[in-house]
Amino acid sequence: MTKIGLAGVGRMGSGMLTNMRKGGIDAEGFDIRPASDFGNLPVSNNADAFAQGLTTLITVVRDTAQTDEVLFGPQGFVLRATELDTIIVSSTLSPKYVRALRDRVPEHINLIDAPMSGAQVGAIEGTLAFMVGGKDAPVAAAWPLFEAMGSNIHRMGGFGDGIQTKVLNNLLCASHTIMTRLILDWASDADLDHDKLLALVDKATGQNWFASRFEQIEFARQGFEPSNTIAILEKDVAAALDAAPEGADTALPELLKQMLHDLDPMD
């Protein structure tokens, strides 16, 4: 008997949990907020109840501090869930932190890193892209979970290769976000129609995911706020910088990080 659990039922986790259940996977959620916040989704804030019989844990919390809380801290499912055999890390974190988990988690627990891309709209639609790293057998066993939550699943290599790929992808995402917002600002100054410009970009050499789905992406018009997705993207750029090759020129990623931090909301 297996029990699938997802910790962190927020912007991404809610859609992921919903789509696993739609796909016939009897998954449950854990979040520190009360169960009443999640409607009909089976979500608990009781760590002991969630840990009972838990065999596969997917973590989708915000950052390394919250991941530490889930795995080793107040929730401590690494020890609390005595039947746990697989942990899937789907948060976007520093590759150094993720790789170091292998020395902190007991050897009998399989580790898979499977960060995802596609924003909240992709989590809701079940069209996320997953970048998966880990040993072959546990990855194969977890593959149906990824198929229930996403439509583009990429096997990147060993444990840690998924997150390394994700932070590189998010460097591009950060640049697309900043530059798309910049051209829209300049278009306004030139009295150009935003919709017509975005329709052109979608079919021209400037095409990118952020511009093509601008009206569907929940954070497209936001400025930086500590708790929003722009701040998460800034955190992801910091994660990429943490794993930059020795001696690499980091000037452009550092500039992107600062520009995300300084981004104002659109009118």
C-alpha atoms as a PDB file:
ATOM      1  CA  MET A   1       0.000   0.000   0.000  1.00  0.00           C
ATOM      2  CA  THR A   2       1.399   3.397  -1.007  1.00  0.00           C
ATOM      3  CA  LYS A   3       0.456   6.839   0.199  1.00  0.00           C
ATOM      4  CA  ILE A   4       1.347   9.859  -1.928  1.00  0.00           C
ATOM      5  CA  GLY A   5       1.597  13.183  -0.129  1.00  0.00           C
ATOM      6  CA  LEU A   6       2.282  16.714  -1.358  1.00  0.00           C
ATOM      7  CA  ALA A   7       3.607  19.327   1.068  1.00  0.00           C
ATOM      8  CA  GLY A   8       2.907  22.944   0.166  1.00  0.00           C
ATOM      9  CA  VAL A   9      -0.596  23.359  -1.283  1.00  0.00           C
ATOM     10  CA  GLY A  10      -0.086  26.879  -2.602  1.00  0.00           C
ATOM     11  CA  ARG A  11      -0.086  28.465  -6.056  1.00  0.00           C
ATOM     12  CA  MET A  12       1.534  25.434  -7.660  1.00  0.00           C
ATOM     13  CA  GLY A  13       0.765  22.666  -5.204  1.00  0.00           C
ATOM     14  CA  SER A  14      -2.990  23.139  -5.316  1.00  0.00           C
ATOM     15  CA  GLY A  15      -3.193  22.501  -9.050  1.00  0.00           C
ATOM     16  CA  MET A  16      -0.690  19.655  -8.850  1.00  0.00           C
ATOM     17  CA  LEU A  17      -2.651  17.902  -6.118  1.00  0.00           C
ATOM     18  CA  THR A  18      -5.927  18.441  -7.979  1.00  0.00           C
ATOM     19  CA  ASN A  19      -4.560  16.948 -11.196  1.00  0.00           C
ATOM     20  CA  MET A  20      -3.072  13.913  -9.476  1.00  0.00           C
ATOM     21  CA  ARG A  21      -6.467  13.181  -8.000  1.00  0.00           C
ATOM     22  CA  LYS A  22      -8.166  13.760 -11.356  1.00  0.00           C
ATOM     23  CA  GLY A  23      -5.714  11.225 -12.772  1.00  0.00           C
ATOM     24  CA  GLY A  24      -6.851   8.574 -10.289  1.00  0.00           C
ATOM     25  CA  ILE A  25      -3.939   9.022  -7.865  1.00  0.00           C
ATOM     26  CA  ASP A  26      -5.215   9.081  -4.283  1.00  0.00           C
ATOM     27  CA  ALA A  27      -2.830  11.836  -3.179  1.00  0.00           C
ATOM     28  CA  GLU A  28      -3.206  13.949  -0.041  1.00  0.00           C
ATOM     29  CA  GLY A  29      -1.877  17.377   0.843  1.00  0.00           C
ATOM     30  CA  PHE A  30      -0.122  18.953   3.807  1.00  0.00           C
ATOM     31  CA  ASP A  31      -0.031  22.664   4.550  1.00  0.00           C
ATOM     32  CA  ILE A  32       0.388  24.720   7.708  1.00  0.00           C
ATOM     33  CA  ARG A  33      -2.865  26.562   6.925  1.00  0.00           C
ATOM     34  CA  PRO A  34      -6.204  25.116   8.109  1.00  0.00           C
ATOM     35  CA  ALA A  35      -7.931  22.480   5.979  1.00  0.00           C
ATOM     36  CA  SER A  36     -10.902  24.821   5.510  1.00  0.00           C
ATOM     37  CA  ASP A  37      -8.744  26.965   3.199  1.00  0.00           C
ATOM     38  CA  PHE A  38      -8.642  24.206   0.560  1.00  0.00           C
ATOM     39  CA  GLY A  39     -12.267  23.434  -0.207  1.00  0.00           C
ATOM     40  CA  ASN A  40     -12.784  19.808  -1.185  1.00  0.00           C
ATOM     41  CA  LEU A  41      -9.104  18.970  -1.496  1.00  0.00           C
ATOM     42  CA  PRO A  42      -7.878  16.517   1.170  1.00  0.00           C
ATOM     43  CA  VAL A  43      -5.351  18.734   2.936  1.00  0.00           C
ATOM     44  CA  SER A  44      -4.227  18.410   6.551  1.00  0.00           C
ATOM     45  CA  ASN A  45      -2.159  20.604   8.838  1.00  0.00           C
ATOM     46  CA  ASN A  46      -1.671  17.699  11.247  1.00  0.00           C
ATOM     47  CA  ALA A  47       1.869  16.457  10.623  1.00  0.00           C
ATOM     48  CA  ASP A  48       1.372  13.159  12.483  1.00  0.00           C
ATOM     49  CA  ALA A  49      -1.765  12.279  10.537  1.00  0.00           C
ATOM     50  CA  PHE A  50      -0.162  13.211   7.220  1.00  0.00           C
ATOM     51  CA  ALA A  51       2.956  11.165   8.023  1.00  0.00           C
ATOM     52  CA  GLN A  52       0.976   8.038   8.878  1.00  0.00           C
ATOM     53  CA  GLY A  53       1.635   5.507   6.113  1.00  0.00           C
ATOM     54  CA  LEU A  54       3.319   8.132   3.881  1.00  0.00           C
ATOM     55  CA  THR A  55       5.579   6.453   1.299  1.00  0.00           C
ATOM     56  CA  THR A  56       6.152   9.187  -1.326  1.00  0.00           C
ATOM     57  CA  LEU A  57       6.512  12.863  -0.398  1.00  0.00           C
ATOM     58  CA  ILE A  58       6.461  15.678  -2.973  1.00  0.00           C
ATOM     59  CA  THR A  59       7.699  19.006  -1.623  1.00  0.00           C
ATOM     60  CA  VAL A  60       6.469  22.188  -3.340  1.00  0.00           C
ATOM     61  CA  VAL A  61       7.248  24.788  -0.677  1.00  0.00           C
ATOM     62  CA  ARG A  62       8.734  28.200  -1.418  1.00  0.00           C
ATOM     63  CA  ASP A  63      12.432  28.035  -0.496  1.00  0.00           C
ATOM     64  CA  THR A  64      15.255  26.197   1.297  1.00  0.00           C
ATOM     65  CA  ALA A  65      14.115  27.334   4.753  1.00  0.00           C
ATOM     66  CA  GLN A  66      10.631  25.908   4.233  1.00  0.00           C
ATOM     67  CA  THR A  67      12.073  22.748   2.660  1.00  0.00           C
ATOM     68  CA  ASP A  68      14.220  22.264   5.757  1.00  0.00           C
ATOM     69  CA  GLU A  69      11.121  22.681   7.937  1.00  0.00           C
ATOM     70  CA  VAL A  70       9.231  20.041   5.935  1.00  0.00           C
ATOM     71  CA  LEU A  71      12.068  17.531   5.852  1.00  0.00           C
ATOM     72  CA  PHE A  72      14.013  18.076   9.079  1.00  0.00           C
ATOM     73  CA  GLY A  73      12.357  20.788  11.175  1.00  0.00           C
ATOM     74  CA  PRO A  74       8.908  21.247  12.737  1.00  0.00           C
ATOM     75  CA  GLN A  75       7.267  18.814  10.319  1.00  0.00           C
ATOM     76  CA  GLY A  76      10.366  16.647   9.985  1.00  0.00           C
ATOM     77  CA  PHE A  77       8.819  14.076   7.664  1.00  0.00           C
ATOM     78  CA  VAL A  78      12.204  12.422   7.038  1.00  0.00           C
ATOM     79  CA  LEU A  79      11.958  10.938  10.537  1.00  0.00           C
ATOM     80  CA  ARG A  80       8.254  11.354  11.302  1.00  0.00           C
ATOM     81  CA  ALA A  81       7.113   9.332   8.258  1.00  0.00           C
ATOM     82  CA  THR A  82       8.556   5.950   9.181  1.00  0.00           C
ATOM     83  CA  GLU A  83       7.433   4.263   5.925  1.00  0.00           C
ATOM     84  CA  LEU A  84       8.796   7.003   3.660  1.00  0.00           C
ATOM     85  CA  ASP A  85      10.799   5.619   0.742  1.00  0.00           C
ATOM     86  CA  THR A  86      10.850   8.448  -1.838  1.00  0.00           C
ATOM     87  CA  ILE A  87      11.155  12.231  -1.644  1.00  0.00           C
ATOM     88  CA  ILE A  88      10.497  14.306  -4.765  1.00  0.00           C
ATOM     89  CA  VAL A  89      11.786  17.869  -4.482  1.00  0.00           C
ATOM     90  CA  SER A  90       9.745  20.054  -6.861  1.00  0.00           C
ATOM     91  CA  SER A  91      10.601  23.475  -5.453  1.00  0.00           C
ATOM     92  CA  THR A  92      13.133  25.603  -7.311  1.00  0.00           C
ATOM     93  CA  LEU A  93      16.101  25.800  -4.949  1.00  0.00           C
ATOM     94  CA  SER A  94      19.850  26.231  -5.089  1.00  0.00           C
ATOM     95  CA  PRO A  95      21.397  23.219  -6.852  1.00  0.00           C
ATOM     96  CA  LYS A  96      24.052  23.166  -4.124  1.00  0.00           C
ATOM     97  CA  TYR A  97      21.387  22.812  -1.448  1.00  0.00           C
ATOM     98  CA  VAL A  98      19.529  20.103  -3.363  1.00  0.00           C
ATOM     99  CA  ARG A  99      22.617  17.996  -4.065  1.00  0.00           C
ATOM    100  CA  ALA A 100      23.637  18.263  -0.396  1.00  0.00           C
ATOM    101  CA  LEU A 101      20.334  16.639   0.643  1.00  0.00           C
ATOM    102  CA  ARG A 102      21.782  13.255  -0.277  1.00  0.00           C
ATOM    103  CA  ASP A 103      24.128  13.486   2.711  1.00  0.00           C
ATOM    104  CA  ARG A 104      21.300  14.593   5.036  1.00  0.00           C
ATOM    105  CA  VAL A 105      18.594  12.093   4.096  1.00  0.00           C
ATOM    106  CA  PRO A 106      18.961   8.410   5.081  1.00  0.00           C
ATOM    107  CA  GLU A 107      20.269   6.275   2.230  1.00  0.00           C
ATOM    108  CA  HIS A 108      17.200   4.021   2.139  1.00  0.00           C
ATOM    109  CA  ILE A 109      15.047   6.997   1.052  1.00  0.00           C
ATOM    110  CA  ASN A 110      15.192   7.647  -2.688  1.00  0.00           C
ATOM    111  CA  LEU A 111      15.713  11.254  -3.735  1.00  0.00           C
ATOM    112  CA  ILE A 112      14.356  12.723  -6.970  1.00  0.00           C
ATOM    113  CA  ASP A 113      14.610  16.344  -7.981  1.00  0.00           C
ATOM    114  CA  ALA A 114      11.743  17.336 -10.273  1.00  0.00           C
ATOM    115  CA  PRO A 115      11.310  21.118 -10.412  1.00  0.00           C
ATOM    116  CA  MET A 116       8.623  22.317 -12.779  1.00  0.00           C
ATOM    117  CA  SER A 117       7.981  25.217 -15.126  1.00  0.00           C
ATOM    118  CA  GLY A 118       4.708  26.655 -16.370  1.00  0.00           C
ATOM    119  CA  ALA A 119       3.482  28.969 -13.579  1.00  0.00           C
ATOM    120  CA  GLN A 120       0.148  28.641 -11.803  1.00  0.00           C
ATOM    121  CA  VAL A 121      -1.743  28.407 -15.088  1.00  0.00           C
ATOM    122  CA  GLY A 122       0.270  25.308 -16.015  1.00  0.00           C
ATOM    123  CA  ALA A 123      -0.326  23.732 -12.612  1.00  0.00           C
ATOM    124  CA  ILE A 124      -4.079  24.278 -12.994  1.00  0.00           C
ATOM    125  CA  GLU A 125      -4.188  23.019 -16.588  1.00  0.00           C
ATOM    126  CA  GLY A 126      -1.898  20.041 -15.918  1.00  0.00           C
ATOM    127  CA  THR A 127       0.560  21.207 -18.567  1.00  0.00           C
ATOM    128  CA  LEU A 128       3.655  21.711 -16.411  1.00  0.00           C
ATOM    129  CA  ALA A 129       7.124  20.902 -17.699  1.00  0.00           C
ATOM    130  CA  PHE A 130       9.124  18.747 -15.279  1.00  0.00           C
ATOM    131  CA  MET A 131      12.915  18.447 -15.271  1.00  0.00           C
ATOM    132  CA  VAL A 132      13.661  15.148 -13.537  1.00  0.00           C
ATOM    133  CA  GLY A 133      16.869  13.917 -11.945  1.00  0.00           C
ATOM    134  CA  GLY A 134      17.476  10.747  -9.966  1.00  0.00           C
ATOM    135  CA  LYS A 135      18.153   7.025 -10.184  1.00  0.00           C
ATOM    136  CA  ASP A 136      16.305   5.078 -12.855  1.00  0.00           C
ATOM    137  CA  ALA A 137      14.111   2.801 -10.720  1.00  0.00           C
ATOM    138  CA  PRO A 138      12.559   5.425  -8.415  1.00  0.00           C
ATOM    139  CA  VAL A 139      12.142   7.839 -11.326  1.00  0.00           C
ATOM    140  CA  ALA A 140      10.301   5.173 -13.328  1.00  0.00           C
ATOM    141  CA  ALA A 141       8.042   4.446 -10.343  1.00  0.00           C
ATOM    142  CA  ALA A 142       7.225   8.162  -9.972  1.00  0.00           C
ATOM    143  CA  TRP A 143       6.682   8.803 -13.691  1.00  0.00           C
ATOM    144  CA  PRO A 144       2.862   8.425 -13.532  1.00  0.00           C
ATOM    145  CA  LEU A 145       2.783  11.247 -10.975  1.00  0.00           C
ATOM    146  CA  PHE A 146       4.575  13.581 -13.366  1.00  0.00           C
ATOM    147  CA  GLU A 147       2.295  12.523 -16.221  1.00  0.00           C
ATOM    148  CA  ALA A 148      -0.743  13.405 -14.120  1.00  0.00           C
ATOM    149  CA  MET A 149       0.584  16.887 -13.409  1.00  0.00           C
ATOM    150  CA  GLY A 150       2.388  17.826 -16.604  1.00  0.00           C
ATOM    151  CA  SER A 151       2.608  17.392 -20.340  1.00  0.00           C
ATOM    152  CA  ASN A 152       6.343  17.933 -20.895  1.00  0.00           C
ATOM    153  CA  ILE A 153       8.506  15.635 -18.787  1.00  0.00           C
ATOM    154  CA  HIS A 154      12.239  15.685 -19.356  1.00  0.00           C
ATOM    155  CA  ARG A 155      14.666  13.118 -17.923  1.00  0.00           C
ATOM    156  CA  MET A 156      17.761  15.205 -17.236  1.00  0.00           C
ATOM    157  CA  GLY A 157      20.128  12.764 -15.494  1.00  0.00           C
ATOM    158  CA  GLY A 158      21.139  11.946 -11.951  1.00  0.00           C
ATOM    159  CA  PHE A 159      19.940  13.532  -8.733  1.00  0.00           C
ATOM    160  CA  GLY A 160      20.553  17.285  -8.873  1.00  0.00           C
ATOM    161  CA  ASP A 161      20.566  17.534 -12.661  1.00  0.00           C
ATOM    162  CA  GLY A 162      16.891  18.469 -12.758  1.00  0.00           C
ATOM    163  CA  ILE A 163      17.302  21.513 -10.519  1.00  0.00           C
ATOM    164  CA  GLN A 164      20.499  22.555 -12.292  1.00  0.00           C
ATOM    165  CA  THR A 165      18.536  22.572 -15.536  1.00  0.00           C
ATOM    166  CA  LYS A 166      15.627  24.456 -13.955  1.00  0.00           C
ATOM    167  CA  VAL A 167      17.662  27.383 -12.662  1.00  0.00           C
ATOM    168  CA  LEU A 168      19.253  27.800 -16.098  1.00  0.00           C
ATOM    169  CA  ASN A 169      15.787  27.754 -17.665  1.00  0.00           C
ATOM    170  CA  ASN A 170      14.633  30.370 -15.170  1.00  0.00           C
ATOM    171  CA  LEU A 171      17.490  32.686 -16.068  1.00  0.00           C
ATOM    172  CA  LEU A 172      15.930  32.817 -19.529  1.00  0.00           C
ATOM    173  CA  CYS A 173      12.466  33.195 -18.008  1.00  0.00           C
ATOM    174  CA  ALA A 174      13.719  36.162 -15.969  1.00  0.00           C
ATOM    175  CA  SER A 175      15.165  37.825 -19.039  1.00  0.00           C
ATOM    176  CA  HIS A 176      11.932  37.252 -20.993  1.00  0.00           C
ATOM    177  CA  THR A 177       9.903  38.691 -18.129  1.00  0.00           C
ATOM    178  CA  ILE A 178      11.993  41.837 -17.836  1.00  0.00           C
ATOM    179  CA  MET A 179      12.341  42.451 -21.569  1.00  0.00           C
ATOM    180  CA  THR A 180       8.667  41.789 -22.363  1.00  0.00           C
ATOM    181  CA  ARG A 181       7.623  44.234 -19.668  1.00  0.00           C
ATOM    182  CA  LEU A 182      10.153  46.757 -20.995  1.00  0.00           C
ATOM    183  CA  ILE A 183       8.904  46.594 -24.605  1.00  0.00           C
ATOM    184  CA  LEU A 184       5.311  46.992 -23.382  1.00  0.00           C
ATOM    185  CA  ASP A 185       6.320  50.099 -21.437  1.00  0.00           C
ATOM    186  CA  TRP A 186       8.067  51.493 -24.513  1.00  0.00           C
ATOM    187  CA  ALA A 187       5.070  50.574 -26.663  1.00  0.00           C
ATOM    188  CA  SER A 188       2.840  52.606 -24.351  1.00  0.00           C
ATOM    189  CA  ASP A 189       5.151  55.577 -24.715  1.00  0.00           C
ATOM    190  CA  ALA A 190       4.866  55.229 -28.523  1.00  0.00           C
ATOM    191  CA  ASP A 191       1.060  54.817 -28.382  1.00  0.00           C
ATOM    192  CA  LEU A 192       1.252  51.264 -29.773  1.00  0.00           C
ATOM    193  CA  ASP A 193      -1.481  48.709 -29.071  1.00  0.00           C
ATOM    194  CA  HIS A 194      -0.226  46.086 -26.583  1.00  0.00           C
ATOM    195  CA  ASP A 195      -2.413  43.308 -27.964  1.00  0.00           C
ATOM    196  CA  LYS A 196      -1.197  43.871 -31.499  1.00  0.00           C
ATOM    197  CA  LEU A 197       2.424  43.971 -30.363  1.00  0.00           C
ATOM    198  CA  LEU A 198       2.091  40.737 -28.371  1.00  0.00           C
ATOM    199  CA  ALA A 199       0.344  39.039 -31.304  1.00  0.00           C
ATOM    200  CA  LEU A 200       3.253  40.046 -33.530  1.00  0.00           C
ATOM    201  CA  VAL A 201       5.880  38.859 -31.030  1.00  0.00           C
ATOM    202  CA  ASP A 202       4.116  35.489 -30.758  1.00  0.00           C
ATOM    203  CA  LYS A 203       4.772  34.870 -34.465  1.00  0.00           C
ATOM    204  CA  ALA A 204       8.111  36.646 -34.859  1.00  0.00           C
ATOM    205  CA  THR A 205      11.705  36.212 -33.735  1.00  0.00           C
ATOM    206  CA  GLY A 206      11.041  37.691 -30.287  1.00  0.00           C
ATOM    207  CA  GLN A 207       8.615  34.881 -29.380  1.00  0.00           C
ATOM    208  CA  ASN A 208       8.817  33.661 -25.781  1.00  0.00           C
ATOM    209  CA  TRP A 209       6.515  31.879 -23.331  1.00  0.00           C
ATOM    210  CA  PHE A 210       5.954  34.941 -21.171  1.00  0.00           C
ATOM    211  CA  ALA A 211       4.856  37.138 -24.061  1.00  0.00           C
ATOM    212  CA  SER A 212       2.792  34.419 -25.739  1.00  0.00           C
ATOM    213  CA  ARG A 213       0.779  33.715 -22.580  1.00  0.00           C
ATOM    214  CA  PHE A 214       0.856  37.210 -21.137  1.00  0.00           C
ATOM    215  CA  GLU A 215      -2.895  37.368 -20.539  1.00  0.00           C
ATOM    216  CA  GLN A 216      -2.980  33.944 -18.841  1.00  0.00           C
ATOM    217  CA  ILE A 217       0.049  34.271 -16.552  1.00  0.00           C
ATOM    218  CA  GLU A 218      -1.019  35.387 -13.094  1.00  0.00           C
ATOM    219  CA  PHE A 219       2.070  37.481 -12.389  1.00  0.00           C
ATOM    220  CA  ALA A 220       2.400  39.126 -15.828  1.00  0.00           C
ATOM    221  CA  ARG A 221       1.311  42.592 -14.649  1.00  0.00           C
ATOM    222  CA  GLN A 222       2.680  42.457 -11.117  1.00  0.00           C
ATOM    223  CA  GLY A 223       5.532  44.386  -9.625  1.00  0.00           C
ATOM    224  CA  PHE A 224       7.844  42.975  -6.971  1.00  0.00           C
ATOM    225  CA  GLU A 225       6.171  42.055  -3.692  1.00  0.00           C
ATOM    226  CA  PRO A 226       7.952  39.843  -1.118  1.00  0.00           C
ATOM    227  CA  SER A 227       5.284  37.127  -1.299  1.00  0.00           C
ATOM    228  CA  ASN A 228       4.449  37.074  -5.009  1.00  0.00           C
ATOM    229  CA  THR A 229       5.734  35.207  -8.065  1.00  0.00           C
ATOM    230  CA  ILE A 230       8.031  38.029  -9.177  1.00  0.00           C
ATOM    231  CA  ALA A 231       9.828  37.616  -5.849  1.00  0.00           C
ATOM    232  CA  ILE A 232       9.971  33.848  -6.407  1.00  0.00           C
ATOM    233  CA  LEU A 233      11.547  34.433  -9.817  1.00  0.00           C
ATOM    234  CA  GLU A 234      14.105  36.741  -8.197  1.00  0.00           C
ATOM    235  CA  LYS A 235      14.814  33.920  -5.723  1.00  0.00           C
ATOM    236  CA  ASP A 236      15.269  31.501  -8.632  1.00  0.00           C
ATOM    237  CA  VAL A 237      17.843  33.794 -10.261  1.00  0.00           C
ATOM    238  CA  ALA A 238      19.678  33.879  -6.920  1.00  0.00           C
ATOM    239  CA  ALA A 239      19.616  30.054  -6.914  1.00  0.00           C
ATOM    240  CA  ALA A 240      21.221  30.034 -10.373  1.00  0.00           C
ATOM    241  CA  LEU A 241      23.870  32.497  -9.238  1.00  0.00           C
ATOM    242  CA  ASP A 242      24.635  30.281  -6.246  1.00  0.00           C
ATOM    243  CA  ALA A 243      25.551  27.494  -8.670  1.00  0.00           C
ATOM    244  CA  ALA A 244      27.371  29.626 -11.252  1.00  0.00           C
ATOM    245  CA  PRO A 245      30.626  28.124 -12.553  1.00  0.00           C
ATOM    246  CA  GLU A 246      33.765  29.377 -10.861  1.00  0.00           C
ATOM    247  CA  GLY A 247      34.979  32.513 -12.591  1.00  0.00           C
ATOM    248  CA  ALA A 248      31.770  32.941 -14.617  1.00  0.00           C
ATOM    249  CA  ASP A 249      30.653  36.410 -15.684  1.00  0.00           C
ATOM    250  CA  THR A 250      27.573  36.928 -13.515  1.00  0.00           C
ATOM    251  CA  ALA A 251      26.998  40.597 -14.377  1.00  0.00           C
ATOM    252  CA  LEU A 252      23.894  39.996 -16.509  1.00  0.00           C
ATOM    253  CA  PRO A 253      22.159  37.599 -14.063  1.00  0.00           C
ATOM    254  CA  GLU A 254      22.910  40.017 -11.225  1.00  0.00           C
ATOM    255  CA  LEU A 255      21.342  42.836 -13.252  1.00  0.00           C
ATOM    256  CA  LEU A 256      18.257  40.703 -13.978  1.00  0.00           C
ATOM    257  CA  LYS A 257      17.909  39.935 -10.282  1.00  0.00           C
ATOM    258  CA  GLN A 258      18.025  43.624  -9.412  1.00  0.00           C
ATOM    259  CA  MET A 259      15.598  44.547 -12.187  1.00  0.00           C
ATOM    260  CA  LEU A 260      13.085  41.980 -10.926  1.00  0.00           C
ATOM    261  CA  HIS A 261      13.430  43.437  -7.442  1.00  0.00           C
ATOM    262  CA  ASP A 262      12.799  46.941  -8.828  1.00  0.00           C
ATOM    263  CA  LEU A 263       9.907  45.944 -11.125  1.00  0.00           C
ATOM    264  CA  ASP A 264       6.787  48.093 -10.710  1.00  0.00           C
ATOM    265  CA  PRO A 265       3.237  46.887 -11.406  1.00  0.00           C
ATOM    266  CA  MET A 266       1.695  47.797 -14.730  1.00  0.00           C
ATOM    267  CA  ASP A 267      -1.031  50.408 -14.782  1.00  0.00           C
END
